[in-house]
Each structure stands twice: as C-alpha cells, then as structure tokens.
C-alpha cells in the first residue's frame, strides 16, 4: 500500500464538494479519462462506468472501459473505492488543517507511489488555481 498527502488551499467542505462530483474524477485521477455514474451517483454501492487510458512502450496508448465500485463514504472525511480492471483499492481522507486549508491523504493498493503522488498533486493544482481566482 502506498500513500501521499498534501495541504490543499481550500476549506474541507469545498474539497469534499469537488471530490463528490463524479464528473470531476478525470480532472485529478491519473489514467481516468471519463466517467458515467449510475443512478445512485456519489453513494456507497454505486457503480460507475469509467474510461481509462494506459500507455505501453510496445503497444502505445490503449483505451478501455471498466467499473469503479464505491465502497464507503464518510461525508467530508473519507471516500473509498475499487477500480475493477486494475484491482486497485483507493481511499481518500480529508482533514481540516485550518478554516481555509485541508490536508488530503490518498492511499492506494498500488505499489507505485507515483500514482498517489500524482493524484494529490493534481488536487493541489486544482485547489491552488481556484484559490487564486
């Protein structure tokens, strides 16, 4: 299991609102290029059809569809999900560092630390951009 964390320049409620919108997932999760949530939306037990893209030196870029299964949600604190094709488990944790900043922790079952680091880096960039507007 690998993890990465950063302090985001946004209140926890704003970060949670961003994470809770299924269509924002491709903006910050590496390799996901599209999302089609089921009727349940952002709720435990929901199954989202996700479009992924991987790059291979020999085969080039490959696109495929898989399911993302939402396992648990603790509003404003935690969200866990499983990506079927890659057998990847992910947990996102939020903690208010101050009234205006949030610590995000991303834990994955992947051995590649870069995946979690990339996800928190993208979240930081998105929050930093919003904070400067």
Protein backbone atom coordinates (compact mmCIF):
# COMPACT_ATOMS: atom_id res chain seq x y z
CA UNK A 1 0.00 0.00 0.00
CA UNK A 2 1.28 3.46 -0.86
CA UNK A 3 0.14 6.90 0.16
CA UNK A 4 0.76 10.59 -0.38
CA UNK A 5 -0.59 13.73 1.25
CA UNK A 6 -0.57 17.49 0.76
CA UNK A 7 -2.16 20.53 2.31
CA UNK A 8 -4.69 21.99 -0.13
CA UNK A 9 -5.50 25.70 -0.23
CA UNK A 10 -9.26 25.25 0.17
CA UNK A 11 -11.71 24.58 3.02
CA UNK A 12 -12.62 20.95 3.62
CA UNK A 13 -16.25 21.50 2.52
CA UNK A 14 -15.07 22.87 -0.85
CA UNK A 15 -12.64 19.99 -1.40
CA UNK A 16 -15.36 17.48 -0.48
CA UNK A 17 -17.82 19.12 -2.90
CA UNK A 18 -15.26 18.80 -5.67
CA UNK A 19 -14.50 15.14 -4.88
CA UNK A 20 -18.20 14.26 -4.56
CA UNK A 21 -18.90 15.29 -8.16
CA UNK A 22 -18.34 12.15 -10.29
CA UNK A 23 -17.53 14.11 -13.44
CA UNK A 24 -14.51 15.74 -11.74
CA UNK A 25 -12.71 12.40 -11.27
CA UNK A 26 -10.88 12.54 -14.64
CA UNK A 27 -9.58 16.00 -13.70
CA UNK A 28 -7.47 14.63 -10.86
CA UNK A 29 -7.18 10.83 -11.03
CA UNK A 30 -4.36 9.62 -13.33
CA UNK A 31 -5.46 7.37 -16.19
CA UNK A 32 -9.21 8.02 -15.94
CA UNK A 33 -10.47 9.92 -18.97
CA UNK A 34 -14.24 9.77 -18.47
CA UNK A 35 -16.97 8.78 -16.01
CA UNK A 36 -20.58 7.66 -16.38
CA UNK A 37 -22.07 7.37 -12.87
CA UNK A 38 -25.06 5.12 -12.26
CA UNK A 39 -28.38 6.37 -10.84
CA UNK A 40 -27.01 6.39 -7.31
CA UNK A 41 -24.34 8.96 -8.16
CA UNK A 42 -21.92 9.50 -5.30
CA UNK A 43 -23.16 6.89 -2.83
CA UNK A 44 -21.94 3.62 -1.29
CA UNK A 45 -22.64 0.72 -3.62
CA UNK A 46 -22.69 2.91 -6.74
CA UNK A 47 -21.06 1.52 -9.86
CA UNK A 48 -19.57 3.97 -12.29
CA UNK A 49 -18.50 3.11 -15.80
CA UNK A 50 -15.08 4.70 -16.24
CA UNK A 51 -12.96 5.14 -19.33
CA UNK A 52 -9.26 4.62 -18.80
CA UNK A 53 -6.18 5.20 -20.86
CA UNK A 54 -2.85 3.45 -20.38
CA UNK A 55 0.42 3.86 -22.19
CA UNK A 56 2.69 0.98 -23.10
CA UNK A 57 6.05 1.28 -24.87
CA UNK A 58 5.27 -1.60 -27.23
CA UNK A 59 1.52 -1.22 -27.76
CA UNK A 60 1.14 2.55 -27.48
CA UNK A 61 -1.91 4.13 -25.89
CA UNK A 62 -4.78 1.77 -25.01
CA UNK A 63 -8.28 2.83 -24.01
CA UNK A 64 -10.77 0.64 -22.19
CA UNK A 65 -13.85 0.68 -20.01
CA UNK A 66 -14.14 -0.73 -16.53
CA UNK A 67 -16.21 -0.32 -13.38
CA UNK A 68 -15.44 1.77 -10.34
CA UNK A 69 -17.25 0.48 -7.26
CA UNK A 70 -17.80 2.95 -4.44
CA UNK A 71 -17.28 1.13 -1.18
CA UNK A 72 -17.63 3.61 1.67
CA UNK A 73 -18.33 7.29 2.17
CA UNK A 74 -17.97 9.24 5.41
CA UNK A 75 -19.10 12.74 4.33
CA UNK A 76 -16.36 15.38 4.47
CA UNK A 77 -13.86 12.83 5.83
CA UNK A 78 -13.38 9.68 3.75
CA UNK A 79 -14.21 8.02 0.45
CA UNK A 80 -13.05 4.56 -0.65
CA UNK A 81 -13.48 2.84 -4.00
CA UNK A 82 -12.26 -0.10 -6.08
CA UNK A 83 -11.30 0.00 -9.75
CA UNK A 84 -12.16 -3.38 -11.22
CA UNK A 85 -9.82 -3.68 -14.23
CA UNK A 86 -6.66 -2.92 -12.30
CA UNK A 87 -7.86 -4.35 -8.96
CA UNK A 88 -6.93 -1.04 -7.40
CA UNK A 89 -8.25 -0.03 -3.98
CA UNK A 90 -8.23 3.70 -3.19
CA UNK A 91 -9.04 5.65 -0.05
CA UNK A 92 -9.21 9.44 0.11
CA UNK A 93 -9.11 11.11 3.55
CA UNK A 94 -9.67 14.78 4.33
CA UNK A 95 -8.71 16.66 7.47
CA UNK A 96 -9.25 20.35 8.13
CA UNK A 97 -5.84 21.93 8.77
CA UNK A 98 -7.42 25.35 9.31
CA UNK A 99 -10.61 27.12 8.28
CA UNK A 100 -9.11 27.72 4.82
CA UNK A 101 -6.88 24.67 4.22
CA UNK A 102 -7.36 20.91 4.05
CA UNK A 103 -4.95 18.02 4.30
CA UNK A 104 -5.74 15.32 1.74
CA UNK A 105 -4.33 11.80 2.08
CA UNK A 106 -4.58 9.37 -0.82
CA UNK A 107 -3.86 5.69 -0.10
CA UNK A 108 -3.78 3.06 -2.83
CA UNK A 109 -3.18 -0.68 -3.03
CA UNK A 110 -0.72 0.00 -5.85
CA UNK A 111 2.98 -0.48 -5.26
CA UNK A 112 3.63 2.59 -7.41
CA UNK A 113 3.88 5.57 -5.05
CA UNK A 114 3.77 7.85 -8.07
CA UNK A 115 0.05 7.15 -8.55
CA UNK A 116 -0.94 8.59 -5.15
CA UNK A 117 1.56 11.44 -5.53
CA UNK A 118 0.17 12.36 -8.93
CA UNK A 119 -3.43 12.35 -7.63
CA UNK A 120 -2.67 14.66 -4.68
CA UNK A 121 -0.53 16.86 -6.91
CA UNK A 122 -3.40 17.31 -9.34
CA UNK A 123 -5.81 18.06 -6.49
CA UNK A 124 -3.36 20.64 -5.16
CA UNK A 125 -3.06 22.29 -8.58
CA UNK A 126 -6.85 22.47 -8.97
CA UNK A 127 -7.33 23.92 -5.48
CA UNK A 128 -4.41 26.34 -5.92
CA UNK A 129 -5.92 27.61 -9.16
CA UNK A 130 -9.32 28.10 -7.53
CA UNK A 131 -7.76 29.84 -4.51
CA UNK A 132 -6.00 32.38 -6.73
CA UNK A 133 -9.20 33.39 -8.61
